[in-house]
PDB file of N, CA and C in Angstrom:
ATOM      1  N   MET A   1     -33.847 -73.482 -32.977  1.00  0.00           N
ATOM      2  CA  MET A   1     -33.372 -72.229 -33.524  1.00  0.00           C
ATOM      3  C   MET A   1     -32.340 -72.531 -34.608  1.00  0.00           C
ATOM      4  N   LYS A   2     -32.456 -71.835 -35.695  1.00  0.00           N
ATOM      5  CA  LYS A   2     -31.531 -72.046 -36.798  1.00  0.00           C
ATOM      6  C   LYS A   2     -30.189 -71.383 -36.498  1.00  0.00           C
ATOM      7  N   ARG A   3     -29.181 -71.851 -37.202  1.00  0.00           N
ATOM      8  CA  ARG A   3     -27.834 -71.331 -36.982  1.00  0.00           C
ATOM      9  C   ARG A   3     -27.749 -69.847 -37.304  1.00  0.00           C
ATOM     10  N   LYS A   4     -28.365 -69.416 -38.396  1.00  0.00           N
ATOM     11  CA  LYS A   4     -28.330 -67.999 -38.790  1.00  0.00           C
ATOM     12  C   LYS A   4     -28.973 -67.130 -37.714  1.00  0.00           C
ATOM     13  N   GLN A   5     -30.087 -67.606 -37.133  1.00  0.00           N
ATOM     14  CA  GLN A   5     -30.743 -66.840 -36.079  1.00  0.00           C
ATOM     15  C   GLN A   5     -29.850 -66.738 -34.850  1.00  0.00           C
ATOM     16  N   ALA A   6     -29.185 -67.822 -34.507  1.00  0.00           N
ATOM     17  CA  ALA A   6     -28.285 -67.811 -33.358  1.00  0.00           C
ATOM     18  C   ALA A   6     -27.110 -66.861 -33.599  1.00  0.00           C
ATOM     19  N   GLU A   7     -26.561 -66.884 -34.811  1.00  0.00           N
ATOM     20  CA  GLU A   7     -25.462 -65.973 -35.136  1.00  0.00           C
ATOM     21  C   GLU A   7     -25.915 -64.519 -35.078  1.00  0.00           C
ATOM     22  N   PHE A   8     -27.138 -64.251 -35.529  1.00  0.00           N
ATOM     23  CA  PHE A   8     -27.647 -62.886 -35.498  1.00  0.00           C
ATOM     24  C   PHE A   8     -27.858 -62.419 -34.060  1.00  0.00           C
ATOM     25  N   ILE A   9     -28.341 -63.299 -33.200  1.00  0.00           N
ATOM     26  CA  ILE A   9     -28.513 -62.942 -31.789  1.00  0.00           C
ATOM     27  C   ILE A   9     -27.160 -62.649 -31.149  1.00  0.00           C
ATOM     28  N   LEU A  10     -26.147 -63.436 -31.476  1.00  0.00           N
ATOM     29  CA  LEU A  10     -24.808 -63.170 -30.957  1.00  0.00           C
ATOM     30  C   LEU A  10     -24.265 -61.837 -31.462  1.00  0.00           C
ATOM     31  N   THR A  11     -24.570 -61.496 -32.699  1.00  0.00           N
ATOM     32  CA  THR A  11     -24.170 -60.205 -33.246  1.00  0.00           C
ATOM     33  C   THR A  11     -24.832 -59.068 -32.483  1.00  0.00           C
ATOM     34  N   ILE A  12     -26.118 -59.220 -32.200  1.00  0.00           N
ATOM     35  CA  ILE A  12     -26.846 -58.198 -31.451  1.00  0.00           C
ATOM     36  C   ILE A  12     -26.254 -58.037 -30.055  1.00  0.00           C
ATOM     37  N   LEU A  13     -25.936 -59.151 -29.412  1.00  0.00           N
ATOM     38  CA  LEU A  13     -25.336 -59.078 -28.080  1.00  0.00           C
ATOM     39  C   LEU A  13     -23.967 -58.412 -28.117  1.00  0.00           C
ATOM     40  N   GLY A  14     -23.193 -58.658 -29.159  1.00  0.00           N
ATOM     41  CA  GLY A  14     -21.893 -58.004 -29.304  1.00  0.00           C
ATOM     42  C   GLY A  14     -22.036 -56.502 -29.469  1.00  0.00           C
ATOM     43  N   VAL A  15     -23.007 -56.088 -30.276  1.00  0.00           N
ATOM     44  CA  VAL A  15     -23.254 -54.654 -30.468  1.00  0.00           C
ATOM     45  C   VAL A  15     -23.721 -54.025 -29.155  1.00  0.00           C
ATOM     46  N   ALA A  16     -24.584 -54.726 -28.428  1.00  0.00           N
ATOM     47  CA  ALA A  16     -25.058 -54.207 -27.142  1.00  0.00           C
ATOM     48  C   ALA A  16     -23.912 -54.057 -26.150  1.00  0.00           C
ATOM     49  N   GLU A  17     -22.977 -54.990 -26.187  1.00  0.00           N
ATOM     50  CA  GLU A  17     -21.818 -54.903 -25.299  1.00  0.00           C
ATOM     51  C   GLU A  17     -20.962 -53.682 -25.617  1.00  0.00           C
ATOM     52  N   VAL A  18     -20.749 -53.429 -26.900  1.00  0.00           N
ATOM     53  CA  VAL A  18     -19.964 -52.265 -27.302  1.00  0.00           C
ATOM     54  C   VAL A  18     -20.674 -50.971 -26.908  1.00  0.00           C
ATOM     55  N   LEU A  19     -21.983 -50.910 -27.132  1.00  0.00           N
ATOM     56  CA  LEU A  19     -22.728 -49.716 -26.756  1.00  0.00           C
ATOM     57  C   LEU A  19     -22.709 -49.497 -25.252  1.00  0.00           C
ATOM     58  N   ALA A  20     -22.813 -50.572 -24.478  1.00  0.00           N
ATOM     59  CA  ALA A  20     -22.761 -50.444 -23.020  1.00  0.00           C
ATOM     60  C   ALA A  20     -21.395 -49.946 -22.562  1.00  0.00           C
ATOM     61  N   THR A  21     -20.350 -50.411 -23.224  1.00  0.00           N
ATOM     62  CA  THR A  21     -19.002 -49.942 -22.883  1.00  0.00           C
ATOM     63  C   THR A  21     -18.867 -48.454 -23.177  1.00  0.00           C
ATOM     64  N   PHE A  22     -19.338 -48.031 -24.347  1.00  0.00           N
ATOM     65  CA  PHE A  22     -19.289 -46.608 -24.669  1.00  0.00           C
ATOM     66  C   PHE A  22     -20.138 -45.790 -23.697  1.00  0.00           C
ATOM     67  N   TYR A  23     -21.271 -46.366 -23.274  1.00  0.00           N
ATOM     68  CA  TYR A  23     -22.153 -45.632 -22.369  1.00  0.00           C
ATOM     69  C   TYR A  23     -21.479 -45.399 -21.016  1.00  0.00           C
ATOM     70  N   THR A  24     -20.688 -46.368 -20.554  1.00  0.00           N
ATOM     71  CA  THR A  24     -19.997 -46.180 -19.273  1.00  0.00           C
ATOM     72  C   THR A  24     -18.837 -45.215 -19.399  1.00  0.00           C
ATOM     73  N   ILE A  25     -18.202 -45.166 -20.574  1.00  0.00           N
ATOM     74  CA  ILE A  25     -17.058 -44.274 -20.764  1.00  0.00           C
ATOM     75  C   ILE A  25     -17.512 -42.863 -21.104  1.00  0.00           C
ATOM     76  N   TYR A  26     -18.385 -42.758 -22.096  1.00  0.00           N
ATOM     77  CA  TYR A  26     -18.814 -41.436 -22.569  1.00  0.00           C
ATOM     78  C   TYR A  26     -20.224 -41.553 -23.136  1.00  0.00           C
ATOM     79  N   PRO A  27     -21.238 -41.296 -22.308  1.00  0.00           N
ATOM     80  CA  PRO A  27     -22.636 -41.524 -22.715  1.00  0.00           C
ATOM     81  C   PRO A  27     -23.087 -40.843 -24.006  1.00  0.00           C
ATOM     82  N   PRO A  28     -22.662 -39.604 -24.324  1.00  0.00           N
ATOM     83  CA  PRO A  28     -23.141 -39.016 -25.590  1.00  0.00           C
ATOM     84  C   PRO A  28     -22.759 -39.826 -26.829  1.00  0.00           C
ATOM     85  N   VAL A  29     -21.620 -40.491 -26.778  1.00  0.00           N
ATOM     86  CA  VAL A  29     -21.202 -41.316 -27.915  1.00  0.00           C
ATOM     87  C   VAL A  29     -22.152 -42.504 -28.074  1.00  0.00           C
ATOM     88  N   ALA A  30     -22.496 -43.134 -26.967  1.00  0.00           N
ATOM     89  CA  ALA A  30     -23.411 -44.277 -27.033  1.00  0.00           C
ATOM     90  C   ALA A  30     -24.784 -43.838 -27.513  1.00  0.00           C
ATOM     91  N   ILE A  31     -25.238 -42.686 -27.061  1.00  0.00           N
ATOM     92  CA  ILE A  31     -26.544 -42.188 -27.488  1.00  0.00           C
ATOM     93  C   ILE A  31     -26.536 -41.900 -28.984  1.00  0.00           C
ATOM     94  N   ALA A  32     -25.441 -41.368 -29.482  1.00  0.00           N
ATOM     95  CA  ALA A  32     -25.339 -41.074 -30.916  1.00  0.00           C
ATOM     96  C   ALA A  32     -25.183 -42.345 -31.750  1.00  0.00           C
ATOM     97  N   LEU A  33     -24.507 -43.350 -31.214  1.00  0.00           N
ATOM     98  CA  LEU A  33     -24.247 -44.576 -31.980  1.00  0.00           C
ATOM     99  C   LEU A  33     -25.407 -45.565 -31.970  1.00  0.00           C
ATOM    100  N   THR A  34     -26.318 -45.446 -31.035  1.00  0.00           N
ATOM    101  CA  THR A  34     -27.411 -46.412 -30.938  1.00  0.00           C
ATOM    102  C   THR A  34     -28.263 -46.476 -32.207  1.00  0.00           C
ATOM    103  N   PRO A  35     -28.738 -45.337 -32.750  1.00  0.00           N
ATOM    104  CA  PRO A  35     -29.519 -45.444 -33.998  1.00  0.00           C
ATOM    105  C   PRO A  35     -28.706 -46.002 -35.164  1.00  0.00           C
ATOM    106  N   VAL A  36     -27.427 -45.677 -35.215  1.00  0.00           N
ATOM    107  CA  VAL A  36     -26.569 -46.198 -36.288  1.00  0.00           C
ATOM    108  C   VAL A  36     -26.433 -47.713 -36.156  1.00  0.00           C
ATOM    109  N   ALA A  37     -26.245 -48.178 -34.942  1.00  0.00           N
ATOM    110  CA  ALA A  37     -26.114 -49.623 -34.713  1.00  0.00           C
ATOM    111  C   ALA A  37     -27.399 -50.354 -35.080  1.00  0.00           C
ATOM    112  N   ILE A  38     -28.532 -49.795 -34.701  1.00  0.00           N
ATOM    113  CA  ILE A  38     -29.820 -50.416 -35.033  1.00  0.00           C
ATOM    114  C   ILE A  38     -30.007 -50.455 -36.550  1.00  0.00           C
ATOM    115  N   TYR A  39     -29.682 -49.375 -37.222  1.00  0.00           N
ATOM    116  CA  TYR A  39     -29.794 -49.315 -38.681  1.00  0.00           C
ATOM    117  C   TYR A  39     -28.916 -50.392 -39.328  1.00  0.00           C
ATOM    118  N   CYS A  40     -27.689 -50.520 -38.872  1.00  0.00           N
ATOM    119  CA  CYS A  40     -26.780 -51.523 -39.441  1.00  0.00           C
ATOM    120  C   CYS A  40     -27.290 -52.940 -39.206  1.00  0.00           C
ATOM    121  N   LEU A  41     -27.833 -53.200 -38.017  1.00  0.00           N
ATOM    122  CA  LEU A  41     -28.370 -54.530 -37.735  1.00  0.00           C
ATOM    123  C   LEU A  41     -29.575 -54.842 -38.608  1.00  0.00           C
ATOM    124  N   VAL A  42     -30.406 -53.845 -38.858  1.00  0.00           N
ATOM    125  CA  VAL A  42     -31.561 -54.052 -39.738  1.00  0.00           C
ATOM    126  C   VAL A  42     -31.102 -54.358 -41.155  1.00  0.00           C
ATOM    127  N   ILE A  43     -30.106 -53.644 -41.637  1.00  0.00           N
ATOM    128  CA  ILE A  43     -29.565 -53.896 -42.980  1.00  0.00           C
ATOM    129  C   ILE A  43     -29.000 -55.311 -43.071  1.00  0.00           C
ATOM    130  N   ILE A  44     -28.268 -55.740 -42.061  1.00  0.00           N
ATOM    131  CA  ILE A  44     -27.711 -57.091 -42.047  1.00  0.00           C
ATOM    132  C   ILE A  44     -28.830 -58.123 -42.078  1.00  0.00           C
ATOM    133  N   TYR A  45     -29.878 -57.907 -41.268  1.00  0.00           N
ATOM    134  CA  TYR A  45     -30.997 -58.852 -41.207  1.00  0.00           C
ATOM    135  C   TYR A  45     -31.718 -58.933 -42.554  1.00  0.00           C
ATOM    136  N   ILE A  46     -31.946 -57.790 -43.187  1.00  0.00           N
ATOM    137  CA  ILE A  46     -32.631 -57.774 -44.482  1.00  0.00           C
ATOM    138  C   ILE A  46     -31.799 -58.486 -45.542  1.00  0.00           C
ATOM    139  N   ASN A  47     -30.494 -58.227 -45.570  1.00  0.00           N
ATOM    140  CA  ASN A  47     -29.629 -58.887 -46.546  1.00  0.00           C
ATOM    141  C   ASN A  47     -29.586 -60.394 -46.329  1.00  0.00           C
ATOM    142  N   ASP A  48     -29.538 -60.829 -45.071  1.00  0.00           N
ATOM    143  CA  ASP A  48     -29.555 -62.267 -44.797  1.00  0.00           C
ATOM    144  C   ASP A  48     -30.868 -62.897 -45.235  1.00  0.00           C
ATOM    145  N   ALA A  49     -31.964 -62.189 -45.017  1.00  0.00           N
ATOM    146  CA  ALA A  49     -33.263 -62.719 -45.431  1.00  0.00           C
ATOM    147  C   ALA A  49     -33.344 -62.838 -46.947  1.00  0.00           C
ATOM    148  N   LYS A  50     -32.840 -61.840 -47.662  1.00  0.00           N
ATOM    149  CA  LYS A  50     -32.843 -61.903 -49.120  1.00  0.00           C
ATOM    150  C   LYS A  50     -31.968 -63.022 -49.631  1.00  0.00           C
ATOM    151  N   ASN A  51     -30.776 -63.174 -49.022  1.00  0.00           N
ATOM    152  CA  ASN A  51     -29.852 -64.225 -49.469  1.00  0.00           C
ATOM    153  C   ASN A  51     -30.406 -65.610 -49.204  1.00  0.00           C
ATOM    154  N   SER A  52     -31.122 -65.787 -48.110  1.00  0.00           N
ATOM    155  CA  SER A  52     -31.669 -67.107 -47.816  1.00  0.00           C
ATOM    156  C   SER A  52     -32.800 -67.457 -48.778  1.00  0.00           C
ATOM    157  N   LYS A  53     -33.523 -66.465 -49.276  1.00  0.00           N
ATOM    158  CA  LYS A  53     -34.600 -66.733 -50.245  1.00  0.00           C
ATOM    159  C   LYS A  53     -34.032 -67.069 -51.614  1.00  0.00           C
ATOM    160  N   ASN A  54     -32.880 -66.503 -51.953  1.00  0.00           N
ATOM    161  CA  ASN A  54     -32.292 -66.713 -53.271  1.00  0.00           C
ATOM    162  C   ASN A  54     -31.523 -68.012 -53.385  1.00  0.00           C
ATOM    163  N   LYS A  55     -31.151 -68.621 -52.264  1.00  0.00           N
ATOM    164  CA  LYS A  55     -30.375 -69.855 -52.325  1.00  0.00           C
ATOM    165  C   LYS A  55     -31.294 -71.030 -52.651  1.00  0.00           C
ATOM    166  N   PRO A  56     -30.884 -71.852 -53.601  1.00  0.00           N
ATOM    167  CA  PRO A  56     -31.675 -73.052 -53.881  1.00  0.00           C
ATOM    168  C   PRO A  56     -31.457 -74.084 -52.779  1.00  0.00           C
ATOM    169  N   ASN A  57     -32.455 -74.897 -52.532  1.00  0.00           N
ATOM    170  CA  ASN A  57     -32.326 -75.951 -51.539  1.00  0.00           C
ATOM    171  C   ASN A  57     -31.489 -77.077 -52.108  1.00  0.00           C
ATOM    172  N   ALA A  58     -30.363 -77.315 -51.480  1.00  0.00           N
ATOM    173  CA  ALA A  58     -29.458 -78.359 -51.993  1.00  0.00           C
ATOM    174  C   ALA A  58     -29.485 -79.578 -51.115  1.00  0.00           C
TER     175      ALA A  58
END
């Protein structure tokens, strides 16, 4: 597994932890934040993919 993939998995786990915490405290907030979190993770993944294609192999 590449380092970027491992970092992205850790990011996903961190977001899941925050959502789980909100779900135990106040479920409507977690339900509302879940699509936003997924959208942000997709944007991060797309930007990382674009940046990795643009970098020259050194």
